[in-house]
C-alpha atoms as a PDB file:
ATOM      1  CA  MET A   1      93.353  23.297 -10.677  1.00  0.00           C
ATOM      2  CA  ARG A   2      89.690  23.126  -9.639  1.00  0.00           C
ATOM      3  CA  GLY A   3      88.692  23.775  -6.046  1.00  0.00           C
ATOM      4  CA  GLY A   4      90.159  22.619  -2.798  1.00  0.00           C
ATOM      5  CA  HIS A   5      93.419  24.527  -3.211  1.00  0.00           C
ATOM      6  CA  ASN A   6      92.279  27.618  -1.310  1.00  0.00           C
ATOM      7  CA  GLN A   7      90.639  26.222   1.793  1.00  0.00           C
ATOM      8  CA  THR A   8      92.726  28.562   3.934  1.00  0.00           C
ATOM      9  CA  HIS A   9      90.357  31.368   2.927  1.00  0.00           C
ATOM     10  CA  ASN A  10      87.031  32.023   4.618  1.00  0.00           C
ATOM     11  CA  THR A  11      83.842  31.859   2.586  1.00  0.00           C
ATOM     12  CA  VAL A  12      81.393  34.648   1.837  1.00  0.00           C
ATOM     13  CA  GLU A  13      78.540  32.448   3.056  1.00  0.00           C
ATOM     14  CA  ARG A  14      79.913  32.684   6.618  1.00  0.00           C
ATOM     15  CA  ARG A  15      80.334  36.472   6.656  1.00  0.00           C
ATOM     16  CA  ARG A  16      77.955  39.364   7.285  1.00  0.00           C
ATOM     17  CA  HIS A  17      77.685  41.518   4.182  1.00  0.00           C
ATOM     18  CA  LEU A  18      75.962  44.690   3.036  1.00  0.00           C
ATOM     19  CA  ASP A  19      74.218  45.016  -0.338  1.00  0.00           C
ATOM     20  CA  SER A  20      74.689  48.419  -1.975  1.00  0.00           C
ATOM     21  CA  PHE A  21      71.607  48.018  -4.199  1.00  0.00           C
ATOM     22  CA  TYR A  22      69.405  47.629  -1.101  1.00  0.00           C
ATOM     23  CA  VAL A  23      71.126  50.558   0.607  1.00  0.00           C
ATOM     24  CA  GLY A  24      70.673  52.588  -2.603  1.00  0.00           C
ATOM     25  CA  LYS A  25      66.895  52.117  -2.405  1.00  0.00           C
ATOM     26  CA  ILE A  26      66.829  53.394   1.172  1.00  0.00           C
ATOM     27  CA  ARG A  27      69.098  56.282   0.189  1.00  0.00           C
ATOM     28  CA  ARG A  28      66.721  57.286  -2.639  1.00  0.00           C
ATOM     29  CA  ALA A  29      63.796  57.239  -0.179  1.00  0.00           C
ATOM     30  CA  ILE A  30      65.714  59.533   2.177  1.00  0.00           C
ATOM     31  CA  LYS A  31      66.524  61.877  -0.709  1.00  0.00           C
ATOM     32  CA  ALA A  32      62.889  61.861  -1.918  1.00  0.00           C
ATOM     33  CA  ASN A  33      61.729  62.936   1.559  1.00  0.00           C
ATOM     34  CA  GLY A  34      64.128  65.900   1.446  1.00  0.00           C
ATOM     35  CA  MET A  35      66.316  64.623   4.296  1.00  0.00           C
ATOM     36  CA  ASP A  36      70.130  64.539   4.442  1.00  0.00           C
ATOM     37  CA  CYS A  37      70.552  61.701   6.927  1.00  0.00           C
ATOM     38  CA  ASP A  38      68.568  58.999   8.684  1.00  0.00           C
ATOM     39  CA  THR A  39      69.245  56.422  11.404  1.00  0.00           C
ATOM     40  CA  TYR A  40      67.969  52.837  11.359  1.00  0.00           C
ATOM     41  CA  GLU A  41      68.126  50.075  13.916  1.00  0.00           C
ATOM     42  CA  ASP A  42      68.975  46.646  12.474  1.00  0.00           C
ATOM     43  CA  LYS A  43      66.802  44.521  14.767  1.00  0.00           C
ATOM     44  CA  GLY A  44      68.195  41.141  13.639  1.00  0.00           C
ATOM     45  CA  ASN A  45      71.831  42.035  14.315  1.00  0.00           C
ATOM     46  CA  GLY A  46      71.363  44.632  17.061  1.00  0.00           C
ATOM     47  CA  VAL A  47      73.395  47.341  15.310  1.00  0.00           C
ATOM     48  CA  SER A  48      72.624  50.902  14.339  1.00  0.00           C
ATOM     49  CA  ILE A  49      72.909  52.215  10.791  1.00  0.00           C
ATOM     50  CA  VAL A  50      73.402  55.914  10.065  1.00  0.00           C
ATOM     51  CA  LEU A  51      72.745  56.577   6.397  1.00  0.00           C
ATOM     52  CA  SER A  52      73.596  59.841   4.623  1.00  0.00           C
ATOM     53  CA  LEU A  53      73.588  60.733   0.933  1.00  0.00           C
ATOM     54  CA  ASP A  54      77.297  59.973   0.332  1.00  0.00           C
ATOM     55  CA  SER A  55      78.202  57.400   3.012  1.00  0.00           C
ATOM     56  CA  MET A  56      76.877  55.201   5.765  1.00  0.00           C
ATOM     57  CA  THR A  57      78.029  54.072   9.190  1.00  0.00           C
ATOM     58  CA  TYR A  58      77.238  50.465  10.037  1.00  0.00           C
ATOM     59  CA  ASP A  59      77.880  49.633  13.693  1.00  0.00           C
ATOM     60  CA  GLY A  60      80.657  52.231  13.838  1.00  0.00           C
ATOM     61  CA  ILE A  61      82.226  51.235  10.510  1.00  0.00           C
ATOM     62  CA  LYS A  62      82.130  53.992   7.878  1.00  0.00           C
ATOM     63  CA  VAL A  63      81.473  52.931   4.280  1.00  0.00           C
ATOM     64  CA  GLU A  64      81.702  55.344   1.330  1.00  0.00           C
ATOM     65  CA  PHE A  65      79.402  55.229  -1.716  1.00  0.00           C
ATOM     66  CA  SER A  66      80.215  55.502  -5.406  1.00  0.00           C
ATOM     67  CA  PHE A  67      77.576  56.096  -8.061  1.00  0.00           C
ATOM     68  CA  GLN A  68      77.223  54.886 -11.630  1.00  0.00           C
ATOM     69  CA  HIS A  69      74.935  56.718 -14.016  1.00  0.00           C
ATOM     70  CA  VAL A  70      72.512  54.344 -15.716  1.00  0.00           C
ATOM     71  CA  GLY A  71      70.861  55.193 -19.019  1.00  0.00           C
ATOM     72  CA  TYR A  72      67.341  54.696 -17.735  1.00  0.00           C
ATOM     73  CA  GLY A  73      65.289  56.143 -14.900  1.00  0.00           C
ATOM     74  CA  THR A  74      66.154  59.115 -12.771  1.00  0.00           C
ATOM     75  CA  HIS A  75      68.550  57.544 -10.294  1.00  0.00           C
ATOM     76  CA  ASP A  76      72.159  56.437 -10.271  1.00  0.00           C
ATOM     77  CA  ARG A  77      73.196  52.950  -9.224  1.00  0.00           C
ATOM     78  CA  CYS A  78      74.825  52.878  -5.800  1.00  0.00           C
ATOM     79  CA  PHE A  79      78.012  50.904  -5.069  1.00  0.00           C
ATOM     80  CA  PHE A  80      80.302  50.664  -2.059  1.00  0.00           C
ATOM     81  CA  LEU A  81      83.913  51.784  -2.234  1.00  0.00           C
ATOM     82  CA  CYS A  82      86.315  49.316  -0.685  1.00  0.00           C
ATOM     83  CA  PRO A  83      88.503  51.249   1.784  1.00  0.00           C
ATOM     84  CA  ALA A  84      91.510  49.035   1.025  1.00  0.00           C
ATOM     85  CA  CYS A  85      91.630  49.179  -2.789  1.00  0.00           C
ATOM     86  CA  GLY A  86      89.194  51.978  -3.690  1.00  0.00           C
ATOM     87  CA  GLU A  87      87.290  49.833  -6.208  1.00  0.00           C
ATOM     88  CA  ARG A  88      83.492  49.728  -6.569  1.00  0.00           C
ATOM     89  CA  PHE A  89      81.676  46.668  -5.283  1.00  0.00           C
ATOM     90  CA  ARG A  90      78.044  45.707  -4.828  1.00  0.00           C
ATOM     91  CA  TYR A  91      78.750  43.757  -1.639  1.00  0.00           C
ATOM     92  CA  ILE A  92      81.004  44.771   1.207  1.00  0.00           C
ATOM     93  CA  TYR A  93      81.886  42.315   3.996  1.00  0.00           C
ATOM     94  CA  ILE A  94      82.274  43.075   7.691  1.00  0.00           C
ATOM     95  CA  ILE A  95      85.323  41.181   8.975  1.00  0.00           C
ATOM     96  CA  LYS A  96      87.929  41.349  11.733  1.00  0.00           C
ATOM     97  CA  HIS A  97      91.214  42.611  10.338  1.00  0.00           C
ATOM     98  CA  LYS A  98      94.262  43.203  12.556  1.00  0.00           C
ATOM     99  CA  GLY A  99      92.165  43.095  15.706  1.00  0.00           C
ATOM    100  CA  ARG A 100      89.383  45.497  14.649  1.00  0.00           C
ATOM    101  CA  ARG A 101      86.220  45.242  12.581  1.00  0.00           C
ATOM    102  CA  VAL A 102      86.431  46.716   9.087  1.00  0.00           C
ATOM    103  CA  SER A 103      84.487  46.643   5.842  1.00  0.00           C
ATOM    104  CA  LEU A 104      86.317  45.152   2.865  1.00  0.00           C
ATOM    105  CA  SER A 105      85.515  43.798  -0.577  1.00  0.00           C
ATOM    106  CA  ARG A 106      85.529  40.044  -1.168  1.00  0.00           C
ATOM    107  CA  ASN A 107      88.955  40.202  -2.828  1.00  0.00           C
ATOM    108  CA  CYS A 108      90.604  42.384  -0.169  1.00  0.00           C
ATOM    109  CA  ALA A 109      89.103  40.274   2.639  1.00  0.00           C
ATOM    110  CA  LYS A 110      90.442  37.124   0.929  1.00  0.00           C
ATOM    111  CA  LEU A 111      87.009  35.516   0.853  1.00  0.00           C
ATOM    112  CA  ASN A 112      85.826  33.022  -1.725  1.00  0.00           C
ATOM    113  CA  TYR A 113      82.740  30.946  -2.382  1.00  0.00           C
ATOM    114  CA  ARG A 114      82.127  27.534  -0.856  1.00  0.00           C
ATOM    115  CA  SER A 115      82.039  25.993  -4.327  1.00  0.00           C
ATOM    116  CA  GLN A 116      85.646  27.157  -4.853  1.00  0.00           C
ATOM    117  CA  GLN A 117      86.801  25.128  -1.855  1.00  0.00           C
ATOM    118  CA  ILE A 118      85.346  21.785  -2.882  1.00  0.00           C
ATOM    119  CA  THR A 119      87.866  19.111  -3.797  1.00  0.00           C
ATOM    120  CA  HIS A 120      87.527  16.508  -6.526  1.00  0.00           C
ATOM    121  CA  GLY A 121      85.854  13.200  -5.803  1.00  0.00           C
ATOM    122  CA  THR A 122      82.873  12.464  -3.629  1.00  0.00           C
ATOM    123  CA  GLU A 123      82.661  15.980  -2.132  1.00  0.00           C
ATOM    124  CA  GLU A 124      82.365  17.636  -5.547  1.00  0.00           C
ATOM    125  CA  CYS A 125      79.812  15.083  -6.802  1.00  0.00           C
ATOM    126  CA  ALA A 126      77.752  15.385  -3.614  1.00  0.00           C
ATOM    127  CA  TYR A 127      77.732  19.173  -3.960  1.00  0.00           C
ATOM    128  CA  ARG A 128      76.634  18.943  -7.617  1.00  0.00           C
ATOM    129  CA  MET A 129      73.888  16.414  -6.741  1.00  0.00           C
ATOM    130  CA  LYS A 130      72.495  18.557  -3.931  1.00  0.00           C
ATOM    131  CA  ARG A 131      72.602  21.675  -6.076  1.00  0.00           C
ATOM    132  CA  LEU A 132      70.815  19.957  -8.970  1.00  0.00           C
ATOM    133  CA  LEU A 133      68.142  18.553  -6.656  1.00  0.00           C
ATOM    134  CA  ARG A 134      67.644  21.903  -4.910  1.00  0.00           C
ATOM    135  CA  ASP A 135      67.768  24.234  -7.935  1.00  0.00           C
ATOM    136  CA  LYS A 136      66.128  22.181 -10.692  1.00  0.00           C
ATOM    137  CA  PHE A 137      63.892  19.694  -8.899  1.00  0.00           C
ATOM    138  CA  HIS A 138      63.023  21.995  -5.975  1.00  0.00           C
ATOM    139  CA  VAL A 139      63.836  19.338  -3.360  1.00  0.00           C
ATOM    140  CA  THR A 140      63.829  21.150  -0.027  1.00  0.00           C
ATOM    141  CA  GLU A 141      64.840  18.295   2.281  1.00  0.00           C
ATOM    142  CA  ASP A 142      68.533  18.032   3.106  1.00  0.00           C
ATOM    143  CA  LEU A 143      69.648  14.640   1.848  1.00  0.00           C
ATOM    144  CA  ALA A 144      72.871  12.947   2.873  1.00  0.00           C
ATOM    145  CA  PRO A 145      75.075  12.245  -0.192  1.00  0.00           C
ATOM    146  CA  ILE A 146      74.489   8.512   0.119  1.00  0.00           C
ATOM    147  CA  ASP A 147      70.703   9.117   0.076  1.00  0.00           C
ATOM    148  CA  ALA A 148      70.938  11.620  -2.777  1.00  0.00           C
ATOM    149  CA  GLN A 149      72.811   8.998  -4.779  1.00  0.00           C
ATOM    150  CA  CYS A 150      69.678   6.843  -5.174  1.00  0.00           C
ATOM    151  CA  TYR A 151      67.027   9.581  -4.869  1.00  0.00           C
ATOM    152  CA  ILE A 152      64.522   9.861  -7.743  1.00  0.00           C
ATOM    153  CA  PRO A 153      62.660  13.180  -7.559  1.00  0.00           C
ATOM    154  CA  ASN A 154      59.151  13.747  -8.860  1.00  0.00           C
ATOM    155  CA  ARG A 155      58.709  15.998 -11.860  1.00  0.00           C
ATOM    156  CA  PRO A 156      58.115  19.555 -10.587  1.00  0.00           C
ATOM    157  CA  ARG A 157      54.811  21.120 -11.503  1.00  0.00           C
ATOM    158  CA  GLY A 158      55.033  23.060 -14.762  1.00  0.00           C
ATOM    159  CA  MET A 159      58.235  21.346 -15.942  1.00  0.00           C
ATOM    160  CA  ARG A 160      58.083  19.883 -19.437  1.00  0.00           C
ATOM    161  CA  LYS A 161      58.610  16.143 -19.769  1.00  0.00           C
ATOM    162  CA  LYS A 162      61.506  16.701 -22.169  1.00  0.00           C
ATOM    163  CA  THR A 163      63.236  18.966 -19.620  1.00  0.00           C
ATOM    164  CA  TYR A 164      62.531  16.476 -16.811  1.00  0.00           C
ATOM    165  CA  ILE A 165      64.059  13.617 -18.825  1.00  0.00           C
ATOM    166  CA  ARG A 166      67.156  15.716 -19.645  1.00  0.00           C
ATOM    167  CA  LEU A 167      67.614  16.723 -15.985  1.00  0.00           C
ATOM    168  CA  MET A 168      67.067  13.134 -14.805  1.00  0.00           C
ATOM    169  CA  GLU A 169      69.794  11.971 -17.201  1.00  0.00           C
ATOM    170  CA  GLU A 170      72.109  14.643 -15.795  1.00  0.00           C
ATOM    171  CA  LEU A 171      71.237  13.604 -12.225  1.00  0.00           C
ATOM    172  CA  GLU A 172      71.858   9.932 -13.025  1.00  0.00           C
ATOM    173  CA  ARG A 173      75.238  10.865 -14.559  1.00  0.00           C
ATOM    174  CA  VAL A 174      76.236  12.797 -11.401  1.00  0.00           C
ATOM    175  CA  GLN A 175      74.937   9.977  -9.172  1.00  0.00           C
ATOM    176  CA  GLN A 176      77.072   7.495 -11.150  1.00  0.00           C
ATOM    177  CA  GLU A 177      80.135   9.770 -10.808  1.00  0.00           C
ATOM    178  CA  TYR A 178      79.531   9.936  -7.046  1.00  0.00           C
ATOM    179  CA  TYR A 179      79.248   6.130  -6.843  1.00  0.00           C
ATOM    180  CA  GLU A 180      82.493   5.654  -8.798  1.00  0.00           C
ATOM    181  CA  ALA A 181      84.353   8.267  -6.707  1.00  0.00           C
ATOM    182  CA  PHE A 182      83.005   6.642  -3.527  1.00  0.00           C
ATOM    183  CA  ILE A 183      84.203   3.187  -4.640  1.00  0.00           C
ATOM    184  CA  GLN A 184      87.641   4.592  -5.565  1.00  0.00           C
ATOM    185  CA  GLY A 185      87.944   6.305  -2.184  1.00  0.00           C
ATOM    186  CA  ALA A 186      86.852   3.164  -0.338  1.00  0.00           C
ATOM    187  CA  ALA A 187      89.321   1.030  -2.326  1.00  0.00           C
ATOM    188  CA  ARG A 188      92.097   3.495  -1.512  1.00  0.00           C
ATOM    189  CA  ILE A 189      91.270   3.302   2.220  1.00  0.00           C
ATOM    190  CA  ILE A 190      91.012  -0.516   2.203  1.00  0.00           C
ATOM    191  CA  GLY A 191      94.260  -0.725   0.271  1.00  0.00           C
ATOM    192  CA  LEU A 192      95.973   1.374   2.948  1.00  0.00           C
ATOM    193  CA  LEU A 193      94.748  -0.805   5.828  1.00  0.00           C
END
């Protein structure tokens, strides 16, 4: 089964998360300055962060670190430990669980990606069209699916003609799938009336 079956879950795109690789860089800077602990103010979210060498406190939520030795450089890679399962994760999500805010991994928080919640038909085709236009053709404007269906993007600067032709064929194929799914959905609705 592809997508749509787990729409009861929240998505990671809607949740505040912490990146352990970013925190690891700050931690290394603290260690290099010979300090044990430092406090930061997260201006965008209005929370305080207390960072030590083995853990951090984010807005009153304590998060433990785990380290993985890498075969290059002088530092270890920093990961978060999920308090629920004890596994290492790069990202930890701040969610409300049983009436209080906690930090959990994506799996323990029952979060998934938006692409996992898309159902078959026009929604899936529209998502694939927008993603292709955004990622490959660098189209920044937000097109409605009906507009994206007939949109012909210019060749991005530096893209080979052969690559552009291949991507245009892929876009036309997805646009045709969207059109067919749209017609099927419309026929189903008209048939029900």
